[in-house]
Amino acid sequence: MAGYLTTHVLDTARGCPAAGLVIDLYRIEGDVRTKLKSVVTNEDGRTDAQILPAAEFELGTYELVFHCGAYLDACDVPPESPRFLDAVPLRFGMSEAAHYHVPLLLSPFGYSTYRGS
């Protein structure tokens, strides 16, 4: 079985998928943080393709940065200055060749995540 990475972003305040949210993927090696790609969520709050497909999968430490502030701005959520949540980084390890699903449940003042399936 080859490993791969997916995500899903749900806007829990509005009760819908978070469409149009930009996500950056980084690989972390020691003190080096290398940007691998940027993706955007579709109407279902998912990306159109795996964020890290099997052909690019490597064990290691990664970081997804969810650009929540820009998404909230686009949804006309009244801004505070500065916004409580702007860029939300999630750093996690992938230690086996498996499906890693890292969803984000988002509201203007909080978020949660977990290892999904």
Protein backbone atom coordinates (compact mmCIF):
# COMPACT_ATOMS: atom_id res chain seq x y z
CA MET A 1 0.00 0.00 0.00
CA ALA A 2 1.35 3.40 -0.95
CA GLY A 3 0.85 6.40 1.28
CA TYR A 4 -0.94 9.62 0.37
CA LEU A 5 -2.35 12.77 2.00
CA THR A 6 -5.81 14.35 1.80
CA THR A 7 -7.77 17.00 3.69
CA HIS A 8 -11.29 18.36 4.09
CA VAL A 9 -12.20 21.76 5.51
CA LEU A 10 -15.61 22.39 7.05
CA ASP A 11 -16.87 25.81 8.12
CA THR A 12 -18.63 24.88 11.35
CA ALA A 13 -19.90 28.43 11.98
CA ARG A 14 -21.80 28.52 8.68
CA GLY A 15 -22.49 24.77 8.53
CA CYS A 16 -20.97 24.16 5.11
CA PRO A 17 -17.79 23.08 3.33
CA ALA A 18 -15.08 25.76 3.19
CA ALA A 19 -14.78 26.34 -0.56
CA GLY A 20 -11.95 28.46 -1.95
CA LEU A 21 -9.62 28.08 1.04
CA VAL A 22 -5.91 28.11 0.13
CA ILE A 23 -3.69 25.46 1.73
CA ASP A 24 0.11 25.28 1.55
CA LEU A 25 2.01 22.02 2.07
CA TYR A 26 5.52 22.05 3.54
CA ARG A 27 8.01 19.28 4.28
CA ILE A 28 9.99 19.79 7.49
CA GLU A 29 13.54 18.41 7.76
CA GLY A 30 15.31 19.63 10.89
CA ASP A 31 15.25 23.42 10.73
CA VAL A 32 14.48 23.43 6.99
CA ARG A 33 10.89 24.08 5.91
CA THR A 34 10.37 23.46 2.17
CA LYS A 35 7.17 24.47 0.41
CA LEU A 36 5.96 21.66 -1.83
CA LYS A 37 2.74 23.13 -3.22
CA SER A 38 -0.36 25.25 -2.77
CA VAL A 39 -3.87 23.93 -3.35
CA VAL A 40 -7.39 25.36 -3.08
CA THR A 41 -10.46 23.64 -1.69
CA ASN A 42 -13.38 22.96 -4.03
CA GLU A 43 -17.13 23.35 -3.41
CA ASP A 44 -17.05 20.27 -1.16
CA GLY A 45 -14.22 21.70 0.99
CA ARG A 46 -11.79 19.13 -0.44
CA THR A 47 -8.97 19.42 -2.94
CA ASP A 48 -9.54 18.14 -6.47
CA ALA A 49 -6.61 15.74 -6.12
CA GLN A 50 -4.63 14.23 -3.26
CA ILE A 51 -2.43 16.87 -1.68
CA LEU A 52 0.46 14.44 -1.60
CA PRO A 53 -0.17 11.53 -4.00
CA ALA A 54 1.50 8.13 -3.68
CA ALA A 55 4.10 9.00 -6.34
CA GLU A 56 5.35 11.92 -4.19
CA PHE A 57 4.80 10.38 -0.74
CA GLU A 58 7.72 10.15 1.69
CA LEU A 59 7.71 9.40 5.39
CA GLY A 60 8.53 12.39 7.54
CA THR A 61 7.24 15.58 9.10
CA TYR A 62 4.91 17.86 7.19
CA GLU A 63 2.94 21.03 7.74
CA LEU A 64 -0.33 22.14 6.22
CA VAL A 65 -0.97 25.88 6.47
CA PHE A 66 -4.65 26.75 6.08
CA HIS A 67 -5.18 30.39 5.03
CA CYS A 68 -8.29 30.89 7.14
CA GLY A 69 -8.16 34.70 7.36
CA ALA A 70 -8.44 35.16 3.60
CA TYR A 71 -11.26 32.59 3.50
CA LEU A 72 -13.15 34.38 6.30
CA ASP A 73 -12.63 37.71 4.51
CA ALA A 74 -14.09 36.22 1.30
CA CYS A 75 -17.12 34.98 3.29
CA ASP A 76 -17.73 38.50 4.63
CA VAL A 77 -17.12 37.47 8.23
CA PRO A 78 -16.70 40.80 10.02
CA PRO A 79 -12.96 41.29 10.56
CA GLU A 80 -11.31 42.20 13.80
CA SER A 81 -7.88 43.78 13.64
CA PRO A 82 -5.89 41.64 13.61
CA ARG A 83 -8.03 38.63 12.83
CA PHE A 84 -8.02 36.03 15.63
CA LEU A 85 -7.32 33.20 13.14
CA ASP A 86 -5.32 33.97 10.02
CA ALA A 87 -2.87 31.30 8.88
CA VAL A 88 -3.45 28.05 10.78
CA PRO A 89 -0.41 25.70 10.68
CA LEU A 90 -0.83 21.99 11.43
CA ARG A 91 2.45 20.09 11.81
CA PHE A 92 2.24 16.30 11.82
CA GLY A 93 4.29 13.21 11.13
CA MET A 94 3.68 10.45 8.61
CA SER A 95 5.41 7.32 9.90
CA GLU A 96 3.97 4.62 7.65
CA ALA A 97 2.82 4.22 4.06
CA ALA A 98 -0.88 4.79 4.69
CA HIS A 99 -3.71 7.20 3.88
CA TYR A 100 -3.29 10.29 6.04
CA HIS A 101 -6.44 12.41 6.13
CA VAL A 102 -5.97 15.67 8.04
CA PRO A 103 -9.28 17.57 8.16
CA LEU A 104 -9.88 21.02 9.64
CA LEU A 105 -13.10 22.10 11.36
CA LEU A 106 -13.08 25.91 11.28
CA SER A 107 -14.93 28.83 12.83
CA PRO A 108 -13.79 32.46 13.16
CA PHE A 109 -12.60 31.88 16.74
CA GLY A 110 -11.51 28.26 16.86
CA TYR A 111 -10.57 25.12 14.98
CA SER A 112 -9.97 21.44 15.54
CA THR A 113 -8.32 18.63 13.63
CA TYR A 114 -7.75 14.92 13.89
CA ARG A 115 -6.35 12.04 11.88
CA GLY A 116 -9.30 10.97 9.79
CA SER A 117 -9.85 8.07 7.48
